[in-house]
Structure formats: structure tokens, C-alpha cells
Amino acid sequence: MITLVLAAAKFPSHLQVAVGDFQKRLPRIERAINNNIGANKKNIRVGELKPAAKRQLIVHLVSNAAIQKLNREWRHKNSTTDVLSFNYAESGLPFFSHEAAGEVYIAYMVAKQQARKYRLPLVDEFSILAVHGVLHILGYDHEKSAAAMKKMQNAEKKILAACGIDSAGALTHR
């Protein structure tokens, strides 16, 4: 079972409402992921989980500068991006059950620009990016092949629909 936690941080005042709404929506996203993907499927790479095991994923909302730094350090791309994911289970190193199995970083200003571009509420854009990032942690990779992209698109659609979010805005559809 996957649990999502929003990391504590300071945000610009104009984002406070959307961040609060996103934090309230996280349990719904969690349920949608667990009900539609499940932590006992073969494609899940969040450690060697028993089906009933809980794994925490931390979601960070960060500045453009912070995500650019992460992107440069880990992907060797010196540019901003909307979302980055890190799966700690991929390292093969053991970790304790109370430790996070991965992290999702969302650039809040990029999300705000994309929400405006796609005419979505900012909370929906945060949710779309979080789902996309979590799916990467769970082993989905839309960059591998057309079949892998379709599989990830279908997973995004299911999860977003379960959250009441129009899947037309899903990342793998853009």
C-alpha cells in the first residue's frame, strides 16, 4: 500500500489555497493509486513489498531553481522541469519500513504555468504531476516504448478518473 505525504515547506502566498487543497486531496490520490494499481502488482518496484506492506512516498513542491538543480545533478539536464521522481528501492540497498521508498518533486511555478495553459485548476495540475511522478516510482516509463507509454497513459487515466480529474490533462497525453 502506498501512502503519500506532502513535505512541509514555505510557499508563495498566492499558492497557499492550492497547496492546502492539494494536501486535502492526497488521501484520495492515494486510494486511487492503491485501488487501481495496487502494491502487489508485478510492475511495482517499491522494494520487496509484501502485499499488505505500507510504503511512504514524499511529495515536495519546490521552486524552479530547486528542480533545475535536481535535474542537473541527477539527469544531467540544466533546465527546469515540471516533475522529478526518485525511487530509493532501485538502489537495492535495504531500508527500514519507516523510511520513504521514494520522493516526487513538483516545480510549483511550472505547475502554475501549465495549469493556466491547459485551463485547469492548480490543484488538478499538482495532482496530475503527483500521479505521474508516483507512476514512475512504481515502474512505469513512458519514454521506453509506445507500448510503455500506452500502459502509463491508461494507469494515469484510471487514477485521475477515480480522483474526479479530467484525464485529458494527463502528462502522457500532452
Protein backbone atom coordinates (compact mmCIF):
# COMPACT_ATOMS: atom_id res chain seq x y z
CA MET A 1 0.00 0.00 0.00
CA ILE A 2 1.34 3.41 -0.98
CA THR A 3 0.93 6.42 1.31
CA LEU A 4 1.62 9.97 0.14
CA VAL A 5 2.91 12.73 2.40
CA LEU A 6 3.31 16.37 1.43
CA ALA A 7 6.64 17.66 2.71
CA ALA A 8 6.46 20.76 4.87
CA ALA A 9 7.70 23.87 3.09
CA LYS A 10 7.05 27.58 2.65
CA PHE A 11 5.18 28.63 -0.45
CA PRO A 12 4.40 31.99 -2.00
CA SER A 13 1.18 33.36 -0.51
CA HIS A 14 -0.67 33.18 -3.85
CA LEU A 15 -0.23 29.38 -3.81
CA GLN A 16 -1.44 28.72 -0.25
CA VAL A 17 -5.02 27.83 -1.20
CA ALA A 18 -4.00 25.44 -4.00
CA VAL A 19 -1.36 23.80 -1.77
CA GLY A 20 -3.94 23.35 1.01
CA ASP A 21 -6.42 21.85 -1.45
CA PHE A 22 -3.71 19.54 -2.79
CA GLN A 23 -2.84 18.35 0.70
CA LYS A 24 -6.52 17.56 1.31
CA ARG A 25 -6.67 15.66 -1.99
CA LEU A 26 -3.64 13.43 -1.30
CA PRO A 27 -5.66 10.72 0.54
CA ARG A 28 -7.99 10.46 -2.49
CA ILE A 29 -4.99 10.14 -4.84
CA GLU A 30 -3.52 7.52 -2.51
CA ARG A 31 -6.73 5.46 -2.55
CA ALA A 32 -6.98 5.75 -6.34
CA ILE A 33 -3.40 4.54 -6.79
CA ASN A 34 -3.82 1.65 -4.35
CA ASN A 35 -7.20 0.61 -5.78
CA ASN A 36 -6.25 0.89 -9.45
CA ILE A 37 -2.61 -0.13 -9.42
CA GLY A 38 -2.08 -1.87 -6.10
CA ALA A 39 1.21 -2.51 -4.33
CA ASN A 40 1.22 -6.21 -5.18
CA LYS A 41 1.31 -5.97 -8.99
CA LYS A 42 4.34 -7.23 -10.89
CA ASN A 43 5.37 -3.82 -12.21
CA ILE A 44 5.73 -2.32 -8.75
CA ARG A 45 9.36 -1.66 -7.86
CA VAL A 46 8.91 -0.03 -4.46
CA GLY A 47 11.11 -2.50 -2.66
CA GLU A 48 10.37 -6.10 -1.99
CA LEU A 49 6.90 -5.45 -0.62
CA LYS A 50 4.52 -7.89 0.88
CA PRO A 51 1.04 -7.12 -0.49
CA ALA A 52 -0.11 -5.59 2.80
CA ALA A 53 3.09 -3.60 3.36
CA LYS A 54 2.92 0.18 3.54
CA ARG A 55 5.40 2.33 1.67
CA GLN A 56 5.57 6.05 2.09
CA LEU A 57 6.31 8.38 -0.80
CA ILE A 58 7.06 12.02 -0.07
CA VAL A 59 5.77 14.75 -2.37
CA HIS A 60 7.68 18.04 -2.46
CA LEU A 61 6.51 21.28 -4.02
CA VAL A 62 9.67 23.20 -4.91
CA SER A 63 10.90 26.30 -6.70
CA ASN A 64 12.13 26.33 -10.28
CA ALA A 65 15.70 26.79 -9.03
CA ALA A 66 15.42 23.72 -6.78
CA ILE A 67 14.05 21.47 -9.52
CA GLN A 68 16.62 22.75 -12.01
CA LYS A 69 19.39 21.86 -9.55
CA LEU A 70 17.95 18.35 -9.05
CA ASN A 71 17.52 17.92 -12.80
CA ARG A 72 21.13 18.99 -13.41
CA GLU A 73 22.54 16.75 -10.66
CA TRP A 74 20.55 13.60 -11.39
CA ARG A 75 19.60 13.78 -15.07
CA HIS A 76 22.44 15.98 -16.35
CA LYS A 77 19.90 18.40 -17.84
CA ASN A 78 20.44 22.01 -16.86
CA SER A 79 16.82 23.09 -17.17
CA THR A 80 13.64 23.25 -15.19
CA THR A 81 11.07 20.52 -15.49
CA ASP A 82 7.63 20.00 -14.02
CA VAL A 83 8.17 16.79 -12.05
CA LEU A 84 11.02 14.51 -10.98
CA SER A 85 10.79 11.17 -9.19
CA PHE A 86 13.30 9.23 -7.16
CA ASN A 87 12.82 5.56 -6.31
CA TYR A 88 15.07 4.55 -3.42
CA ALA A 89 14.27 0.87 -3.82
CA GLU A 90 16.09 0.85 -7.18
CA SER A 91 19.41 1.16 -5.37
CA GLY A 92 18.97 -2.32 -3.94
CA LEU A 93 20.04 -1.07 -0.53
CA PRO A 94 17.85 -2.14 2.38
CA PHE A 95 15.85 0.47 4.21
CA PHE A 96 13.65 0.47 7.26
CA SER A 97 9.87 0.29 6.98
CA HIS A 98 9.51 3.80 8.40
CA GLU A 99 11.74 5.31 5.68
CA ALA A 100 10.32 6.75 2.48
CA ALA A 101 10.59 4.48 -0.56
CA GLY A 102 10.74 7.44 -2.91
CA GLU A 103 10.14 11.11 -3.48
CA VAL A 104 8.31 13.19 -6.06
CA TYR A 105 9.39 16.78 -6.68
CA ILE A 106 6.96 19.16 -8.37
CA ALA A 107 8.01 22.63 -9.53
CA TYR A 108 5.13 24.77 -8.31
CA MET A 109 5.69 27.66 -10.73
CA VAL A 110 5.93 25.31 -13.73
CA ALA A 111 2.74 23.64 -12.48
CA LYS A 112 1.07 27.05 -12.25
CA GLN A 113 2.06 27.88 -15.85
CA GLN A 114 0.85 24.50 -17.11
CA ALA A 115 -2.43 24.82 -15.21
CA ARG A 116 -3.01 28.14 -16.93
CA LYS A 117 -2.01 26.73 -20.34
CA TYR A 118 -4.30 23.69 -20.03
CA ARG A 119 -7.05 25.66 -18.27
CA LEU A 120 -7.00 23.52 -15.17
CA PRO A 121 -7.29 24.41 -11.50
CA LEU A 122 -3.80 24.43 -9.97
CA VAL A 123 -4.79 21.69 -7.53
CA ASP A 124 -5.60 19.45 -10.53
CA GLU A 125 -2.20 20.16 -12.09
CA PHE A 126 -0.45 19.35 -8.80
CA SER A 127 -2.46 16.10 -8.70
CA ILE A 128 -1.64 15.16 -12.30
CA LEU A 129 2.06 15.75 -11.68
CA ALA A 130 1.99 13.77 -8.43
CA VAL A 131 0.28 10.80 -10.10
CA HIS A 132 2.76 10.94 -12.98
CA GLY A 133 5.70 11.00 -10.58
CA VAL A 134 4.35 8.18 -8.44
CA LEU A 135 3.79 6.03 -11.52
CA HIS A 136 7.44 6.47 -12.44
CA ILE A 137 8.41 5.31 -8.95
CA LEU A 138 6.11 2.31 -9.41
CA GLY A 139 7.96 1.26 -12.56
CA TYR A 140 6.04 2.94 -15.37
CA ASP A 141 8.17 4.66 -18.02
CA HIS A 142 6.51 6.40 -20.96
CA GLU A 143 9.92 7.02 -22.57
CA LYS A 144 10.73 3.30 -23.10
CA SER A 145 8.36 2.50 -25.95
CA ALA A 146 4.95 3.24 -27.43
CA ALA A 147 3.52 0.25 -25.53
CA ALA A 148 5.00 1.51 -22.25
CA MET A 149 3.57 4.97 -22.94
CA LYS A 150 0.11 3.49 -23.56
CA LYS A 151 0.34 1.46 -20.34
CA MET A 152 1.26 4.59 -18.37
CA GLN A 153 -1.47 6.64 -20.07
CA ASN A 154 -4.06 4.03 -19.11
CA ALA A 155 -2.84 3.98 -15.50
CA GLU A 156 -2.94 7.79 -15.33
CA LYS A 157 -6.46 7.85 -16.79
CA LYS A 158 -7.74 5.32 -14.25
CA ILE A 159 -6.20 7.05 -11.27
CA LEU A 160 -7.19 10.57 -12.31
CA ALA A 161 -10.76 9.47 -13.14
CA ALA A 162 -11.01 7.88 -9.68
CA CYS A 163 -10.00 11.29 -8.27
CA GLY A 164 -12.58 13.13 -10.37
CA ILE A 165 -9.92 14.80 -12.54
CA ASP A 166 -10.31 15.08 -16.30
CA SER A 167 -7.62 12.81 -17.74
CA ALA A 168 -7.32 14.90 -20.92
CA GLY A 169 -4.78 16.93 -18.99
CA ALA A 170 -2.67 13.89 -18.09
CA LEU A 171 1.02 14.32 -18.80
CA THR A 172 1.40 11.42 -21.18
CA HIS A 173 -1.36 13.00 -23.33
CA ARG A 174 0.40 16.34 -23.76
